[in-house]
Amino acid sequence: MKQNQRLSKIEGKLSPRQAVISLIKKMHEYPGYAEYLDFLGSLPMTALPSQALMSQVRENAAKEAKARGLKGEAASKHVDLEMRDALFLFKLHEHVNEALLCRLEVWLYKMELLHEKHEIIVHLRAGRFLSTRRRKMPKGSVGDADRHFQKKQENFKKLARELLTELYAFEQAATQISRGFFCGEEVLFCDYALGLKTLTYDVEELVDRFNSGDDKLAGGTIDTLDIDEIRKEAALGATAKKEMIVDFAKGEVAMFVGDKRVASRLFAKWIHPQT
């Protein structure tokens, strides 16, 4: 009991950022996001962790305002700002995980397509080698089989580059949010973090296999994929992804406090972007 009281006193001195990070660590103790949502579903609305978080921040802010000699409207403004900061961070963590959830199925589908395209290339590569040996094609000549083979390779490269760019961009965006808003604390639930890491590794491995294959054509060679270059190019997409997630969290806070004009502007920026 004394230990719990002591911990309560320590938590009672946390800033809004520290309070949210403390809550996130507890949330991430669950095996995954689905398990955490199941836990939330078993609780009454008044017992939700977000409710406890906001009560804690409100109480802490009121004590801080009193200690600083703030009164009346100044004290209320201080409490409101602290609560808005906490709510924003809480929603930001939520939106990062929701954003990954929304894209994960698409990425897995693209990965299946990439596997299929690679298998086709492997079979064509073997068949083309045997066919070339039988026909003894002159050096430098390009036949229909070569053109078909090259087209399949280009299709693989296009999809692989697209998928890796999306994965790297999200990975970098999540890292930027983690470092910029949560003092480096992991923002993804453990199953999502592992899933993103595993999927990225699998795509990289497939690209390595593609790069290390016999890519020589009768009429020349085909360029391989440069993973490091793709990772660098994904930086622009990462910045945009981060800004979108942050704006949606800000928009939700604006809606919560009744500022619909600001919320609409933030949402419209990404839902109906200006061309």
Foldseek 3Di string as FASTA:
>chain_A
DVVVVVVVVVLLQDALLRLLLVVLVVLLVDQADVVSVVVQVVDDPCPDPLNVSLVSLLVSLLVVCVVVVHDDPRSVVSSVVRSLLNLLLNQLLVLLQVVLVVCVVVLVVLVVVLVVLLVVLVVLVVVVVVVCVVVVDDAQDADPSLVVSVVSLVVSVVSLLVSLLVLLLSVLLQQCCCVVRNVNDRSHRPVSVVSSVVSNVVSVVSLVVVVPDDQAGSNGGDDGDDSVVSSVVSPVVNVVVNLLSSLQSNLVSCVVVPNNVSNVVSVCCPVVNDD
